[in-house]
């Protein structure tokens, strides 16, 4: 039997998980929510939820994947097989796999935008418009149906070439390169912005605590949504990365590092974007693609050395997005390998062809596409994975797997907190997303 591919080092695995967690949400949504919900008043609940989800859901999905050495379908099937219901588990496991593929396809569209802007930063074309309306028009034409075919296909080809190299030779090496560069570039940007006149107003706002905002349920709801989606708990990506882990890995320790560096990435982004907006006398109330592709380029254009700043910024964003895209495509690729008994390269080719075709077709509706997935599929996948591992597999199984690779047993509170707090939170996120039109 062919040996299963795996991560070659502990930090390689951790950087891959950080890469999967650090994505557009850390850049185009976190800063906006910090701005909208009172700076430090938002950060307090956000840090609490990061700690809670990092030490429950992230540990659970990593441990579940390592225990079964498989993707979601076989992992869910293995859990239900203990009760003679393997086919039920496999059917439910299709939900996070298809969700991961659909999310990857939507993300491919976004990565096409980012790649075009990253290249355009070097040529200077993205800073060419002479007004905010010009930037909006330029983005609008690119984000329309079939408006960015070449760059989108190129981004997907780049992603698939890395994935074809495998876990240790592709995903791990790519993250070992891209994640440190991402952090380094954002630190450079943060230092630059710190010396801009008026930037101190942005820092003051980030860390101020407004009791009214802190008491507002909306602040807590959107802090929960930001933390939940930032840590990539969806029953797919974190689980499949865990399946490539050795039994010697201390999973609770790794999960803590992932949660910490994901938070550092989000804070770095906010320490760049919010002070930059403050220095320009602008209010940050626009999140999503509009912030990244319209408002920030317009702001960068007016900065001294704007072209160099654009190059640094969009290169960092490109690396953050690509590491997330690798993670999203890995679950469906691993499933094709497991179920069709194909090699790595043909499995990547099959998923790549599906990704190209569908992503080209959804260019004009990608926002609605991603909203549906984040509202319904991601929290449902996380909740199902939680039920399978923390309830169906049983107490003894969970404690054995979580403590594997540790010198000292993890806290006895872990399982009850996961069962009675984390799993309900997953479905709470689902319900709130439906009611409020999305909280991620």
Protein backbone atom coordinates (compact mmCIF):
# COMPACT_ATOMS: atom_id res chain seq x y z
CA UNK A 1 0.00 0.00 0.00
CA UNK A 2 1.41 3.39 -1.00
CA UNK A 3 2.49 5.54 1.94
CA UNK A 4 0.22 8.53 2.52
CA UNK A 5 1.83 11.89 1.80
CA UNK A 6 2.41 14.05 4.85
CA UNK A 7 3.88 17.28 6.16
CA UNK A 8 7.63 17.03 6.64
CA UNK A 9 7.89 19.26 9.71
CA UNK A 10 5.80 20.62 12.53
CA UNK A 11 6.28 24.23 11.43
CA UNK A 12 5.48 23.29 7.85
CA UNK A 13 2.10 22.04 9.03
CA UNK A 14 1.53 25.08 11.25
CA UNK A 15 2.42 27.51 8.45
CA UNK A 16 0.07 25.65 6.08
CA UNK A 17 -2.75 25.96 8.62
CA UNK A 18 -1.94 29.63 9.16
CA UNK A 19 -1.99 30.05 5.39
CA UNK A 20 -5.41 28.43 5.18
CA UNK A 21 -6.74 30.76 7.89
CA UNK A 22 -5.11 33.99 6.68
CA UNK A 23 -7.12 35.14 3.72
CA UNK A 24 -9.26 37.96 2.43
CA UNK A 25 -11.37 38.03 5.60
CA UNK A 26 -8.30 39.12 7.57
CA UNK A 27 -7.64 41.93 5.11
CA UNK A 28 -10.87 43.27 3.67
CA UNK A 29 -13.32 42.45 6.49
CA UNK A 30 -11.51 42.46 9.84
CA UNK A 31 -10.32 46.07 9.54
CA UNK A 32 -13.78 47.23 8.53
CA UNK A 33 -15.44 45.52 11.48
CA UNK A 34 -12.88 46.91 13.90
CA UNK A 35 -13.76 50.32 12.48
CA UNK A 36 -17.53 49.84 12.50
CA UNK A 37 -17.85 48.26 15.93
CA UNK A 38 -15.76 50.46 18.15
CA UNK A 39 -12.12 49.44 17.80
CA UNK A 40 -11.13 47.80 21.07
CA UNK A 41 -14.79 47.15 21.83
CA UNK A 42 -14.78 44.72 18.90
CA UNK A 43 -11.36 43.27 19.69
CA UNK A 44 -12.32 42.08 23.19
CA UNK A 45 -15.07 39.67 22.06
CA UNK A 46 -13.06 38.78 18.94
CA UNK A 47 -10.08 37.62 21.02
CA UNK A 48 -12.38 35.63 23.29
CA UNK A 49 -14.03 33.85 20.36
CA UNK A 50 -10.68 33.18 18.67
CA UNK A 51 -9.47 31.50 21.87
CA UNK A 52 -12.68 29.49 22.23
CA UNK A 53 -12.86 28.26 18.62
CA UNK A 54 -9.10 27.76 18.35
CA UNK A 55 -9.06 25.47 21.37
CA UNK A 56 -12.20 23.53 20.47
CA UNK A 57 -13.09 23.37 16.77
CA UNK A 58 -9.57 23.71 15.37
CA UNK A 59 -8.18 21.05 17.72
CA UNK A 60 -11.15 18.80 17.00
CA UNK A 61 -10.88 18.97 13.22
CA UNK A 62 -7.11 18.48 13.25
CA UNK A 63 -7.44 15.49 15.59
CA UNK A 64 -10.34 13.97 13.62
CA UNK A 65 -8.35 14.16 10.40
CA UNK A 66 -5.22 12.66 11.94
CA UNK A 67 -7.17 9.85 13.62
CA UNK A 68 -8.81 8.71 10.37
CA UNK A 69 -5.98 9.63 7.96
CA UNK A 70 -8.61 10.66 5.45
CA UNK A 71 -10.79 13.47 4.15
CA UNK A 72 -14.27 14.36 5.42
CA UNK A 73 -16.17 11.58 3.60
CA UNK A 74 -14.14 8.71 5.01
CA UNK A 75 -13.72 10.48 8.37
CA UNK A 76 -17.49 10.89 8.80
CA UNK A 77 -17.99 7.35 7.48
CA UNK A 78 -15.47 5.98 9.99
CA UNK A 79 -17.26 7.73 12.85
CA UNK A 80 -20.69 6.40 11.85
CA UNK A 81 -19.31 2.94 11.14
CA UNK A 82 -18.88 2.54 14.88
CA UNK A 83 -22.67 2.46 15.01
CA UNK A 84 -23.20 0.47 11.79
CA UNK A 85 -24.12 3.55 9.72
CA UNK A 86 -21.06 4.15 7.53
CA UNK A 87 -23.09 5.08 4.44
CA UNK A 88 -24.92 7.79 6.41
CA UNK A 89 -21.62 9.26 7.55
CA UNK A 90 -20.17 9.22 4.03
CA UNK A 91 -23.26 10.96 2.67
CA UNK A 92 -22.99 13.70 5.31
CA UNK A 93 -19.25 13.98 4.61
CA UNK A 94 -20.08 15.07 1.08
CA UNK A 95 -21.44 18.36 2.45
CA UNK A 96 -18.10 19.84 3.62
CA UNK A 97 -16.26 18.40 0.58
CA UNK A 98 -18.64 19.97 -1.92
CA UNK A 99 -18.67 23.12 0.20
CA UNK A 100 -14.87 23.28 0.04
CA UNK A 101 -14.90 22.82 -3.74
CA UNK A 102 -17.59 25.46 -4.21
CA UNK A 103 -15.75 27.89 -1.93
CA UNK A 104 -12.50 27.22 -3.81
CA UNK A 105 -14.24 27.95 -7.12
CA UNK A 106 -15.56 31.26 -5.81
CA UNK A 107 -12.17 32.10 -4.34
CA UNK A 108 -10.60 31.38 -7.73
CA UNK A 109 -12.52 34.33 -9.16
CA UNK A 110 -11.20 36.57 -6.39
CA UNK A 111 -7.66 35.26 -6.89
CA UNK A 112 -7.93 36.22 -10.57
CA UNK A 113 -8.67 39.78 -9.47
CA UNK A 114 -5.78 39.79 -7.01
CA UNK A 115 -3.29 38.38 -9.53
CA UNK A 116 -4.27 41.03 -12.07
CA UNK A 117 -3.85 43.79 -9.48
CA UNK A 118 -0.54 42.36 -8.24
CA UNK A 119 0.88 42.39 -11.77
CA UNK A 120 -0.75 45.77 -12.38
CA UNK A 121 1.02 47.14 -9.32
CA UNK A 122 4.38 46.40 -10.97
CA UNK A 123 3.32 47.94 -14.30
CA UNK A 124 1.55 50.86 -12.65
CA UNK A 125 -1.76 50.19 -14.44
CA UNK A 126 -3.84 49.76 -11.27
CA UNK A 127 -2.98 53.31 -10.17
CA UNK A 128 -3.79 54.84 -13.56
CA UNK A 129 -7.42 55.99 -12.90
CA UNK A 130 -7.69 59.68 -12.02
CA UNK A 131 -10.66 59.52 -9.63
CA UNK A 132 -12.50 57.22 -7.22
CA UNK A 133 -15.14 56.67 -9.90
CA UNK A 134 -12.38 55.64 -12.28
CA UNK A 135 -11.13 53.01 -9.83
CA UNK A 136 -14.70 51.76 -9.34
CA UNK A 137 -15.27 51.57 -13.09
CA UNK A 138 -12.02 49.66 -13.61
CA UNK A 139 -12.92 47.13 -10.93
CA UNK A 140 -16.50 46.84 -12.17
CA UNK A 141 -15.44 45.92 -15.69
CA UNK A 142 -13.02 43.31 -14.33
CA UNK A 143 -15.56 41.82 -11.90
CA UNK A 144 -18.30 41.44 -14.52
CA UNK A 145 -19.22 38.20 -16.30
CA UNK A 146 -16.21 36.89 -18.27
CA UNK A 147 -14.35 40.11 -17.41
CA UNK A 148 -11.10 38.58 -16.16
CA UNK A 149 -10.71 35.20 -17.83
CA UNK A 150 -6.96 35.20 -18.47
CA UNK A 151 -5.81 36.15 -14.96
CA UNK A 152 -8.34 33.87 -13.32
CA UNK A 153 -7.21 30.83 -15.30
CA UNK A 154 -3.56 31.73 -14.66
CA UNK A 155 -4.16 31.93 -10.89
CA UNK A 156 -5.83 28.51 -10.92
CA UNK A 157 -3.03 26.95 -12.99
CA UNK A 158 -0.46 28.31 -10.52
CA UNK A 159 -2.46 26.85 -7.62
CA UNK A 160 -2.82 23.43 -9.27
CA UNK A 161 0.88 23.22 -10.14
CA UNK A 162 1.71 23.64 -6.46
CA UNK A 163 -0.92 21.08 -5.43
CA UNK A 164 0.40 18.55 -7.96
CA UNK A 165 3.72 18.58 -6.10
CA UNK A 166 2.00 17.06 -3.09
CA UNK A 167 1.77 17.91 0.59
CA UNK A 168 5.42 18.13 1.64
CA UNK A 169 6.81 19.12 -1.75
CA UNK A 170 4.03 21.51 -2.75
CA UNK A 171 1.70 22.85 -0.04
CA UNK A 172 4.29 22.86 2.75
CA UNK A 173 7.07 24.47 0.71
CA UNK A 174 4.72 27.08 -0.76
CA UNK A 175 3.49 28.09 2.69
CA UNK A 176 7.01 28.15 4.12
CA UNK A 177 7.84 30.72 1.43
CA UNK A 178 4.64 32.74 1.16
CA UNK A 179 3.57 33.08 4.79
CA UNK A 180 6.83 34.59 6.13
CA UNK A 181 6.93 36.97 3.15
CA UNK A 182 3.31 37.96 3.80
CA UNK A 183 4.05 38.86 7.43
CA UNK A 184 7.29 40.65 6.52
CA UNK A 185 5.62 42.77 3.84
CA UNK A 186 2.76 43.79 6.12
CA UNK A 187 5.23 44.75 8.85
CA UNK A 188 7.01 46.96 6.29
CA UNK A 189 3.69 48.55 5.33
CA UNK A 190 2.83 49.06 9.00
CA UNK A 191 6.12 50.89 9.62
CA UNK A 192 5.56 53.08 6.56
CA UNK A 193 2.01 54.00 7.61
CA UNK A 194 3.15 54.74 11.17
CA UNK A 195 5.15 57.72 9.89
CA UNK A 196 2.23 59.17 7.94
CA UNK A 197 0.80 62.40 9.46
CA UNK A 198 -2.50 61.66 11.19
CA UNK A 199 -1.89 57.91 11.53
CA UNK A 200 -1.99 58.14 15.35
CA UNK A 201 -5.74 58.81 15.16
CA UNK A 202 -6.14 55.37 13.61
CA UNK A 203 -4.14 53.69 16.38
CA UNK A 204 -6.15 55.49 19.02
CA UNK A 205 -9.36 54.29 17.45
CA UNK A 206 -8.23 50.66 17.12
CA UNK A 207 -7.51 50.31 20.84
CA UNK A 208 -10.16 52.55 22.39
CA UNK A 209 -12.99 50.83 24.24
CA UNK A 210 -16.47 52.26 23.88
CA UNK A 211 -18.76 50.82 26.61
CA UNK A 212 -21.83 51.39 24.43
CA UNK A 213 -20.36 49.43 21.51
CA UNK A 214 -19.10 46.71 23.87
CA UNK A 215 -22.63 46.27 25.23
CA UNK A 216 -24.16 46.13 21.74
CA UNK A 217 -25.14 42.53 20.80
CA UNK A 218 -24.19 43.27 17.17
CA UNK A 219 -20.57 43.81 18.19
CA UNK A 220 -20.48 40.33 19.74
CA UNK A 221 -22.36 38.71 16.87
CA UNK A 222 -20.01 40.04 14.18
CA UNK A 223 -16.95 39.36 16.34
CA UNK A 224 -18.14 35.75 16.57
CA UNK A 225 -18.66 35.57 12.81
CA UNK A 226 -15.24 37.07 12.10
CA UNK A 227 -13.47 34.66 14.47
CA UNK A 228 -15.42 31.62 13.27
CA UNK A 229 -14.73 32.09 9.58
CA UNK A 230 -11.19 33.36 10.08
CA UNK A 231 -10.09 30.08 11.70
CA UNK A 232 -11.42 28.00 8.78
CA UNK A 233 -13.52 25.56 10.80
CA UNK A 234 -15.85 24.04 8.21
CA UNK A 235 -15.25 20.29 8.44
CA UNK A 236 -12.95 20.29 5.40
CA UNK A 237 -9.65 22.19 5.11
CA UNK A 238 -8.42 21.91 8.70
CA UNK A 239 -9.56 18.29 8.85
CA UNK A 240 -7.75 17.31 5.66
CA UNK A 241 -4.53 19.05 6.74
CA UNK A 242 -4.77 17.17 10.04
CA UNK A 243 -4.94 13.90 8.11
CA UNK A 244 -1.39 14.47 6.88
CA UNK A 245 0.00 14.80 10.42
CA UNK A 246 2.21 12.34 12.25
CA UNK A 247 1.14 10.86 15.59
CA UNK A 248 3.99 12.74 17.27
CA UNK A 249 2.42 16.14 16.60
CA UNK A 250 1.07 18.01 19.65
CA UNK A 251 -2.20 19.21 18.15
CA UNK A 252 -3.43 21.54 20.94
CA UNK A 253 -0.07 23.33 20.83
CA UNK A 254 -0.23 23.61 17.02
CA UNK A 255 -3.81 24.90 17.14
CA UNK A 256 -2.75 27.60 19.59
CA UNK A 257 0.00 28.77 17.24
CA UNK A 258 -2.40 28.84 14.30
CA UNK A 259 -4.94 30.92 16.25
CA UNK A 260 -2.20 33.28 17.45
CA UNK A 261 -0.64 33.95 14.05
CA UNK A 262 -4.02 34.27 12.34
CA UNK A 263 -4.86 36.97 14.88
CA UNK A 264 -1.47 38.64 14.32
CA UNK A 265 -2.19 38.72 10.58
CA UNK A 266 -5.59 40.33 11.12
CA UNK A 267 -4.14 42.89 13.50
CA UNK A 268 -1.31 43.71 11.09
CA UNK A 269 -3.85 44.37 8.36
CA UNK A 270 -5.89 46.66 10.61
CA UNK A 271 -2.73 48.46 11.79
CA UNK A 272 -1.99 49.23 8.15
CA UNK A 273 -5.45 49.98 6.77
CA UNK A 274 -7.15 51.93 9.58
CA UNK A 275 -4.23 54.36 10.26
CA UNK A 276 -3.79 54.81 6.50
CA UNK A 277 -7.44 55.77 6.17
CA UNK A 278 -7.12 58.08 9.18
CA UNK A 279 -4.04 59.73 7.66
CA UNK A 280 -6.03 60.41 4.51
CA UNK A 281 -8.95 61.82 6.51
CA UNK A 282 -11.24 59.05 5.27
CA UNK A 283 -13.66 56.91 7.26
CA UNK A 284 -13.36 53.15 6.90
CA UNK A 285 -16.93 51.97 6.40
CA UNK A 286 -16.51 49.93 3.23
CA UNK A 287 -15.47 46.28 3.45
CA UNK A 288 -15.20 43.44 0.97
CA UNK A 289 -13.79 43.77 -2.55
CA UNK A 290 -14.66 47.46 -2.68
CA UNK A 291 -12.10 48.21 0.03
CA UNK A 292 -9.35 46.16 -1.57
CA UNK A 293 -9.82 47.03 -5.23
CA UNK A 294 -11.32 50.52 -5.19
CA UNK A 295 -10.77 52.51 -1.99
CA UNK A 296 -7.28 51.32 -1.04
CA UNK A 297 -5.76 51.72 -4.54
CA UNK A 298 -7.24 55.23 -4.66
CA UNK A 299 -5.70 55.94 -1.26
CA UNK A 300 -2.33 54.41 -2.19
CA UNK A 301 -2.22 56.50 -5.36
CA UNK A 302 -2.02 59.66 -3.27
CA UNK A 303 0.76 58.38 -1.00
CA UNK A 304 4.44 59.21 -1.55
CA UNK A 305 5.97 56.19 -3.27
CA UNK A 306 2.48 54.93 -4.07
CA UNK A 307 3.60 52.50 -6.76
CA UNK A 308 6.06 50.76 -4.44
CA UNK A 309 3.42 50.61 -1.70
CA UNK A 310 0.98 49.04 -4.18
CA UNK A 311 3.58 46.43 -5.17
CA UNK A 312 4.24 45.47 -1.53
CA UNK A 313 0.56 45.47 -0.58
CA UNK A 314 -0.80 43.40 -3.47
CA UNK A 315 2.10 40.95 -3.39
CA UNK A 316 1.31 40.29 0.28
CA UNK A 317 -2.40 39.93 -0.50
CA UNK A 318 -1.61 37.56 -3.39
CA UNK A 319 0.35 35.26 -1.07
CA UNK A 320 -2.37 35.34 1.60
CA UNK A 321 -5.03 34.46 -0.95
CA UNK A 322 -3.03 31.73 -2.65
CA UNK A 323 -2.31 29.87 0.59
CA UNK A 324 -6.04 29.85 1.36
CA UNK A 325 -6.88 28.66 -2.15
CA UNK A 326 -4.46 25.72 -1.79
CA UNK A 327 -6.29 24.63 1.35
CA UNK A 328 -9.76 24.93 -0.19
CA UNK A 329 -8.88 22.78 -3.21
CA UNK A 330 -7.06 20.13 -1.15
CA UNK A 331 -10.19 18.48 0.35
CA UNK A 332 -11.88 17.76 -3.02
CA UNK A 333 -8.55 16.66 -4.54
CA UNK A 334 -7.93 14.24 -1.66
CA UNK A 335 -11.49 12.93 -2.04
CA UNK A 336 -10.97 12.21 -5.74
CA UNK A 337 -7.76 10.39 -4.87
CA UNK A 338 -9.46 8.32 -2.16
CA UNK A 339 -12.67 7.48 -3.99
CA UNK A 340 -11.43 7.06 -7.57
CA UNK A 341 -8.02 5.64 -6.57
CA UNK A 342 -6.20 8.12 -8.78
CA UNK A 343 -2.73 9.58 -8.49
CA UNK A 344 -2.11 13.11 -7.30
CA UNK A 345 -1.62 14.69 -10.72
CA UNK A 346 -4.79 13.32 -12.41
CA UNK A 347 -6.86 14.17 -9.33
CA UNK A 348 -5.59 17.76 -9.47
CA UNK A 349 -6.31 17.85 -13.22
CA UNK A 350 -9.93 16.73 -12.73
CA UNK A 351 -10.61 19.27 -9.97
CA UNK A 352 -8.72 21.93 -11.93
CA UNK A 353 -10.91 21.45 -15.00
CA UNK A 354 -14.06 21.70 -12.85
CA UNK A 355 -12.61 24.80 -11.20
CA UNK A 356 -11.84 26.50 -14.51
CA UNK A 357 -15.26 25.86 -16.06
CA UNK A 358 -17.43 26.75 -13.08
CA UNK A 359 -15.36 29.74 -11.95
CA UNK A 360 -15.60 31.28 -15.42
CA UNK A 361 -19.37 30.82 -15.40
CA UNK A 362 -19.91 32.46 -11.98
CA UNK A 363 -17.76 35.57 -12.44
CA UNK A 364 -20.76 37.88 -12.51
CA UNK A 365 -22.48 36.31 -9.47
CA UNK A 366 -19.49 35.40 -7.30
CA UNK A 367 -20.61 37.64 -4.41
CA UNK A 368 -23.97 35.84 -4.08
CA UNK A 369 -22.21 32.49 -4.59
CA UNK A 370 -19.83 33.13 -1.68
CA UNK A 371 -22.60 34.51 0.54
CA UNK A 372 -24.63 31.32 0.20
CA UNK A 373 -21.62 29.18 1.07
CA UNK A 374 -20.57 31.23 4.08
CA UNK A 375 -24.10 31.48 5.44
CA UNK A 376 -25.21 27.87 4.99
CA UNK A 377 -22.45 25.42 4.13
CA UNK A 378 -19.43 26.42 6.25
CA UNK A 379 -21.13 26.50 9.67
CA UNK A 380 -23.13 23.37 8.79
CA UNK A 381 -19.92 21.54 7.86
CA UNK A 382 -18.25 22.65 11.09
CA UNK A 383 -21.23 21.57 13.17
CA UNK A 384 -21.44 18.17 11.49
CA UNK A 385 -17.71 17.55 11.96
CA UNK A 386 -18.10 18.51 15.62
CA UNK A 387 -21.00 16.11 16.11
CA UNK A 388 -19.14 13.28 14.40
CA UNK A 389 -15.96 13.67 16.42
CA UNK A 390 -17.16 14.87 19.82
CA UNK A 391 -20.39 12.84 20.04
CA UNK A 392 -20.43 9.94 17.59
CA UNK A 393 -16.82 8.83 18.11
CA UNK A 394 -17.20 8.80 21.88
CA UNK A 395 -15.32 10.20 24.86
CA UNK A 396 -12.50 7.63 25.01
CA UNK A 397 -11.73 8.01 21.29
CA UNK A 398 -11.65 11.82 21.46
CA UNK A 399 -9.44 11.96 24.52
CA UNK A 400 -7.01 9.41 23.05
CA UNK A 401 -6.68 11.29 19.76
CA UNK A 402 -6.38 14.78 21.23
CA UNK A 403 -3.71 13.62 23.68
CA UNK A 404 -1.72 11.69 21.10
CA UNK A 405 1.73 13.27 20.79
CA UNK A 406 1.43 15.12 24.12
CA UNK A 407 3.49 14.58 27.26
CA UNK A 408 0.66 15.77 29.49
CA UNK A 409 -3.06 15.16 29.09
CA UNK A 410 -5.06 18.08 27.73
CA UNK A 411 -7.63 19.63 30.06
CA UNK A 412 -10.58 17.42 31.04
CA UNK A 413 -12.88 20.34 30.28
CA UNK A 414 -12.11 20.04 26.57
CA UNK A 415 -14.81 17.52 25.63
CA UNK A 416 -17.72 19.06 27.56
CA UNK A 417 -16.86 22.54 26.26
CA UNK A 418 -16.78 21.19 22.71
CA UNK A 419 -20.02 19.27 23.10
CA UNK A 420 -22.09 21.85 24.92
CA UNK A 421 -20.61 25.15 23.75
CA UNK A 422 -18.69 24.82 20.48
CA UNK A 423 -21.21 22.66 18.58
CA UNK A 424 -24.19 24.87 19.54
CA UNK A 425 -22.11 27.90 18.47
CA UNK A 426 -21.69 26.36 14.98
CA UNK A 427 -25.45 26.14 14.55
CA UNK A 428 -25.90 29.55 16.20
CA UNK A 429 -23.61 30.98 13.51
CA UNK A 430 -25.73 29.21 10.87
CA UNK A 431 -28.98 30.65 12.25
CA UNK A 432 -27.58 34.16 12.72
CA UNK A 433 -26.18 34.09 9.21
CA UNK A 434 -29.59 33.20 7.78
CA UNK A 435 -31.38 35.85 9.86
CA UNK A 436 -28.86 38.68 9.31
CA UNK A 437 -27.83 37.82 5.77
CA UNK A 438 -24.36 36.65 6.79
CA UNK A 439 -22.02 37.40 9.68
CA UNK A 440 -18.76 36.06 8.15
